[in-house]
Amino acid sequence: MKKILLLSLCHLFISISFAQKIKVISSTSQTWAGGQCCSYGINYNIVLESTETTSLFRFDTVWIDKQSYVNGTARTLTINETIKNGKRYFTLESNCKWNRRDVFDLDMPPDKPEKVLVYNGKACIVYHVGGVRCTEEIKKFEVLYPIAYP
């Protein structure tokens, strides 16, 4: 029993120490409409900073308003990494796009229900550092002025 408790405490300590190495610098959302006929959506932009420059960060999922954004899906997540002044910066971008014509397409199969991550803020980032799963919550997004494309 003592070994299990000790192992659990070590895992908790490792999780907490890794989670503290990343922080949210900015988070914005910007609605848009136009371009292709009947299209509209929301652009999300999240900038993260880390003092950890040697560990491998693997971003799993970003949850925004109970919707998941993952690389390679309809709600795509783009990740860019830069290093400046001894700090790593990650920019996570996603564009949630809709088309009014899609709403009325009855031939489309319904989406499979997904297991929703429970969190308190507006968004939650799930990532792994050194094999340890970590999360970072975003309390709110700064809402930018909407874009109207011709």
Protein backbone atom coordinates (compact mmCIF):
# COMPACT_ATOMS: atom_id res chain seq x y z
CA MET A 1 0.00 0.00 0.00
CA LYS A 2 2.84 2.37 0.87
CA LYS A 3 4.48 1.70 -2.51
CA ILE A 4 1.27 2.56 -4.37
CA LEU A 5 0.84 5.75 -2.36
CA LEU A 6 4.49 6.72 -2.92
CA LEU A 7 4.18 6.00 -6.65
CA SER A 8 1.00 8.08 -6.88
CA LEU A 9 2.64 11.01 -5.07
CA CYS A 10 5.68 10.83 -7.38
CA HIS A 11 3.43 10.84 -10.47
CA LEU A 12 1.47 13.81 -9.05
CA PHE A 13 4.71 15.71 -8.33
CA ILE A 14 6.02 15.04 -11.85
CA SER A 15 2.70 16.12 -13.40
CA ILE A 16 2.63 19.34 -11.38
CA SER A 17 6.27 20.20 -12.15
CA PHE A 18 5.75 19.72 -15.91
CA ALA A 19 2.45 21.58 -15.92
CA GLN A 20 4.09 24.63 -14.38
CA LYS A 21 6.56 24.91 -17.28
CA ILE A 22 3.95 26.22 -19.71
CA LYS A 23 1.72 29.29 -19.48
CA VAL A 24 -0.82 31.00 -21.70
CA ILE A 25 0.44 34.34 -23.08
CA SER A 26 -2.63 35.21 -25.17
CA SER A 27 -5.84 33.64 -26.43
CA THR A 28 -8.04 35.29 -29.05
CA SER A 29 -11.13 34.42 -31.07
CA GLN A 30 -12.32 36.18 -34.22
CA THR A 31 -15.49 35.45 -36.15
CA TRP A 32 -15.47 35.75 -39.93
CA ALA A 33 -17.90 35.46 -42.82
CA GLY A 34 -17.68 35.50 -46.62
CA GLY A 35 -15.14 34.29 -49.11
CA GLN A 36 -16.89 31.20 -50.41
CA CYS A 37 -20.68 31.52 -50.66
CA CYS A 38 -22.51 31.06 -47.32
CA SER A 39 -19.30 30.38 -45.35
CA TYR A 40 -18.57 31.59 -41.84
CA GLY A 41 -16.53 30.53 -38.86
CA ILE A 42 -14.30 31.40 -35.92
CA ASN A 43 -10.50 31.68 -35.90
CA TYR A 44 -8.89 30.76 -32.58
CA ASN A 45 -5.30 31.74 -31.74
CA ILE A 46 -3.50 30.65 -28.56
CA VAL A 47 0.11 31.56 -27.71
CA LEU A 48 1.92 29.54 -25.04
CA GLU A 49 5.30 30.15 -23.43
CA SER A 50 7.64 27.61 -21.86
CA THR A 51 10.99 27.96 -20.15
CA GLU A 52 11.61 24.27 -20.83
CA THR A 53 13.66 24.16 -24.04
CA THR A 54 14.87 20.56 -24.11
CA SER A 55 11.77 18.46 -23.44
CA LEU A 56 9.58 17.22 -26.26
CA PHE A 57 6.09 18.76 -26.14
CA ARG A 58 3.37 16.81 -27.92
CA PHE A 59 0.06 18.63 -28.19
CA ASP A 60 -2.85 16.22 -28.16
CA THR A 61 -6.11 18.17 -28.28
CA VAL A 62 -7.45 21.66 -27.68
CA TRP A 63 -10.99 21.74 -26.31
CA ILE A 64 -12.94 24.94 -26.97
CA ASP A 65 -16.56 25.21 -25.85
CA LYS A 66 -16.78 21.40 -25.50
CA GLN A 67 -15.54 20.86 -29.11
CA SER A 68 -12.23 19.12 -29.76
CA TYR A 69 -9.61 20.42 -32.19
CA VAL A 70 -7.04 17.86 -33.32
CA ASN A 71 -4.53 17.75 -36.17
CA GLY A 72 -5.95 15.94 -39.20
CA THR A 73 -9.66 16.34 -38.48
CA ALA A 74 -12.41 18.65 -39.74
CA ARG A 75 -11.71 21.00 -36.85
CA THR A 76 -7.98 21.22 -37.53
CA LEU A 77 -5.29 22.45 -35.17
CA THR A 78 -2.11 24.05 -36.52
CA ILE A 79 0.94 24.22 -34.23
CA ASN A 80 3.96 26.49 -34.77
CA GLU A 81 7.01 26.59 -32.49
CA THR A 82 9.67 29.30 -32.09
CA ILE A 83 12.50 29.87 -29.61
CA LYS A 84 13.35 33.43 -28.52
CA ASN A 85 15.53 34.61 -25.64
CA GLY A 86 15.82 31.13 -24.14
CA LYS A 87 12.06 30.53 -24.12
CA ARG A 88 9.88 28.39 -26.37
CA TYR A 89 6.71 29.80 -27.83
CA PHE A 90 3.94 27.65 -29.27
CA THR A 91 1.19 29.16 -31.40
CA LEU A 92 -1.93 27.01 -31.67
CA GLU A 93 -4.34 28.09 -34.40
CA SER A 94 -7.66 26.65 -35.43
CA ASN A 95 -10.33 27.72 -37.87
CA CYS A 96 -13.79 26.37 -37.21
CA LYS A 97 -15.57 26.69 -40.57
CA TRP A 98 -19.22 26.19 -41.44
CA ASN A 99 -21.26 26.50 -44.60
CA ARG A 100 -25.00 27.13 -44.40
CA ARG A 101 -25.55 24.60 -47.18
CA ASP A 102 -23.98 21.88 -45.01
CA VAL A 103 -26.70 22.35 -42.40
CA PHE A 104 -29.38 21.24 -44.85
CA ASP A 105 -27.49 18.27 -46.33
CA LEU A 106 -29.55 15.30 -45.11
CA ASP A 107 -27.25 12.72 -46.73
CA MET A 108 -24.42 13.43 -44.29
CA PRO A 109 -24.02 10.80 -41.56
CA PRO A 110 -24.35 12.17 -38.02
CA ASP A 111 -21.14 12.89 -36.12
CA LYS A 112 -20.01 10.20 -33.73
CA PRO A 113 -20.43 11.37 -30.15
CA GLU A 114 -17.07 12.05 -28.56
CA LYS A 115 -16.08 11.85 -24.94
CA VAL A 116 -15.94 15.46 -23.76
CA LEU A 117 -13.18 16.53 -21.40
CA VAL A 118 -14.53 18.24 -18.29
CA TYR A 119 -12.94 21.63 -17.56
CA ASN A 120 -13.97 24.95 -16.01
CA GLY A 121 -12.72 27.63 -18.43
CA LYS A 122 -13.52 28.46 -22.06
CA ALA A 123 -10.84 26.08 -23.37
CA CYS A 124 -8.43 23.37 -22.26
CA ILE A 125 -5.17 22.31 -23.90
CA VAL A 126 -4.13 18.66 -23.51
CA TYR A 127 -0.42 18.02 -24.08
CA HIS A 128 2.33 15.57 -23.12
CA VAL A 129 5.81 16.39 -21.81
CA GLY A 130 8.26 13.56 -21.27
CA GLY A 131 5.43 11.04 -21.47
CA VAL A 132 3.36 12.79 -18.80
CA ARG A 133 -0.14 14.01 -19.74
CA CYS A 134 -0.76 17.65 -18.74
CA THR A 135 -3.59 20.14 -19.18
CA GLU A 136 -3.72 23.92 -19.23
CA GLU A 137 -7.04 25.75 -18.96
CA ILE A 138 -7.87 29.02 -20.66
CA LYS A 139 -10.32 31.12 -18.66
CA LYS A 140 -11.44 33.37 -21.52
CA PHE A 141 -10.69 34.47 -25.08
CA GLU A 142 -10.11 38.06 -26.10
CA VAL A 143 -12.74 38.60 -28.82
CA LEU A 144 -11.33 40.46 -31.83
CA TYR A 145 -13.31 42.53 -34.33
CA PRO A 146 -15.12 40.30 -36.90
CA ILE A 147 -13.79 39.94 -40.45
CA ALA A 148 -16.11 40.24 -43.48
CA TYR A 149 -14.48 38.76 -46.58
CA PRO A 150 -15.85 39.81 -50.01
